Protein backbone atom coordinates (compact mmCIF):
# COMPACT_ATOMS: atom_id res chain seq x y z
CA UNK A 1 0.01 0.03 0.02
CA UNK A 2 2.98 2.28 0.47
CA UNK A 3 3.91 2.00 -2.92
CA UNK A 4 0.44 2.23 -4.25
CA UNK A 5 0.07 5.47 -2.37
CA UNK A 6 3.11 7.11 -3.42
CA UNK A 7 2.81 6.19 -7.03
CA UNK A 8 -0.76 7.69 -6.92
CA UNK A 9 0.72 10.71 -5.55
CA UNK A 10 3.77 10.90 -8.01
CA UNK A 11 1.29 10.44 -11.06
CA UNK A 12 -1.23 13.01 -9.58
CA UNK A 13 1.72 15.73 -8.92
CA UNK A 14 3.28 15.00 -12.46
CA UNK A 15 -0.07 15.64 -14.10
CA UNK A 16 -0.27 18.95 -12.25
CA UNK A 17 3.13 19.82 -13.02
CA UNK A 18 2.42 18.94 -16.75
CA UNK A 19 -0.62 21.13 -17.01
CA UNK A 20 0.43 23.76 -14.78
CA UNK A 21 1.71 26.97 -16.64
CA UNK A 22 4.08 28.35 -13.62
CA UNK A 23 5.81 24.84 -13.27
CA UNK A 24 8.98 26.23 -12.38
CA UNK A 25 7.74 29.12 -10.34
CA UNK A 26 5.98 27.04 -7.92
CA UNK A 27 8.73 24.34 -7.75
CA UNK A 28 6.13 21.57 -8.60
CA UNK A 29 8.72 19.49 -10.27
CA UNK A 30 10.40 19.35 -6.90
CA UNK A 31 7.24 17.61 -5.40
CA UNK A 32 7.22 15.46 -8.35
CA UNK A 33 10.85 14.34 -7.83
CA UNK A 34 10.31 13.75 -4.19
CA UNK A 35 7.23 11.37 -4.78
CA UNK A 36 9.04 9.68 -7.59
CA UNK A 37 11.92 9.01 -5.50
CA UNK A 38 9.64 7.61 -2.61
CA UNK A 39 8.00 5.41 -5.25
CA UNK A 40 11.25 3.96 -6.27
CA UNK A 41 12.24 3.39 -2.72
CA UNK A 42 9.02 1.52 -1.85
CA UNK A 43 9.51 -0.41 -5.37
CA UNK A 44 12.79 -1.54 -4.04
CA UNK A 45 11.43 -2.52 -0.60
CA UNK A 46 8.56 -4.62 -2.16
CA UNK A 47 11.18 -6.44 -4.40
CA UNK A 48 13.08 -7.39 -1.49
CA UNK A 49 10.17 -8.33 0.63
CA UNK A 50 8.96 -10.49 -2.33
CA UNK A 51 12.24 -12.33 -2.43
CA UNK A 52 11.99 -12.88 1.36
CA UNK A 53 8.35 -13.96 1.45
CA UNK A 54 7.60 -15.51 -1.97
CA UNK A 55 3.68 -15.86 -2.45
CA UNK A 56 3.09 -14.80 0.89
CA UNK A 57 3.76 -11.24 -0.30
CA UNK A 58 0.51 -11.07 -2.11
CA UNK A 59 -1.72 -11.89 0.73
CA UNK A 60 -0.96 -9.48 3.56
CA UNK A 61 -2.96 -9.10 6.54
CA UNK A 62 -5.79 -6.39 6.58
CA UNK A 63 -3.88 -4.87 9.42
CA UNK A 64 -0.68 -4.99 7.80
CA UNK A 65 -2.38 -3.11 4.75
CA UNK A 66 -3.76 -0.44 6.95
CA UNK A 67 -0.55 0.22 8.39
CA UNK A 68 1.24 0.35 5.24
CA UNK A 69 -1.58 2.91 3.92
CA UNK A 70 -1.21 5.08 6.86
CA UNK A 71 2.81 5.09 6.35
CA UNK A 72 2.20 5.67 2.86
CA UNK A 73 -0.01 8.89 3.45
CA UNK A 74 2.54 10.02 6.10
CA UNK A 75 5.11 10.03 3.30
CA UNK A 76 2.69 11.83 0.90
CA UNK A 77 2.13 14.27 3.85
CA UNK A 78 5.67 14.85 4.73
CA UNK A 79 6.46 15.47 0.86
CA UNK A 80 3.99 18.24 0.84
CA UNK A 81 5.26 19.85 4.08
CA UNK A 82 8.93 19.74 2.75
CA UNK A 83 7.64 21.39 -0.60
CA UNK A 84 5.42 23.98 1.17
CA UNK A 85 8.58 24.97 3.51
CA UNK A 86 10.70 25.13 -0.12
CA UNK A 87 7.87 27.57 -1.33
CA UNK A 88 8.09 29.61 1.85
CA UNK A 89 11.78 29.77 1.68
CA UNK A 90 12.04 30.48 -2.16
CA UNK A 91 8.92 32.72 -2.05
CA UNK A 92 8.54 32.90 -5.92
CA UNK A 93 5.77 35.34 -6.07
CA UNK A 94 7.30 37.58 -3.14
CA UNK A 95 4.21 37.36 -1.04
CA UNK A 96 6.00 36.28 2.11
CA UNK A 97 8.47 39.04 1.79
CA UNK A 98 5.65 41.75 1.19
CA UNK A 99 3.62 40.27 4.29
CA UNK A 100 6.97 40.48 6.62
CA UNK A 101 7.99 43.89 5.34
CA UNK A 102 4.77 45.53 5.16
CA UNK A 103 4.70 49.10 7.06
CA UNK A 104 1.68 50.34 8.50
């Protein structure tokens, strides 16, 4: 489920990146790279687990699937947090800078 969750996040972010006009301005490519990297990591993990468990890999317990899903969601959420922090630091539209240095 972790692999499936991160692949869905990677595909959705890639579609958004492809269709967005300000793709470099909003650093959506960074988000895509994080999700595709996580997907590759979970793919390697799945391959190694398959080598260890064999056919049992395809019949996980429901509790294990739920735990893996929560782990996948936490990875997606962490990717979003890192992307938002990157946006706040880079401040591509100058909104944070304007709010911080506004004089009354």
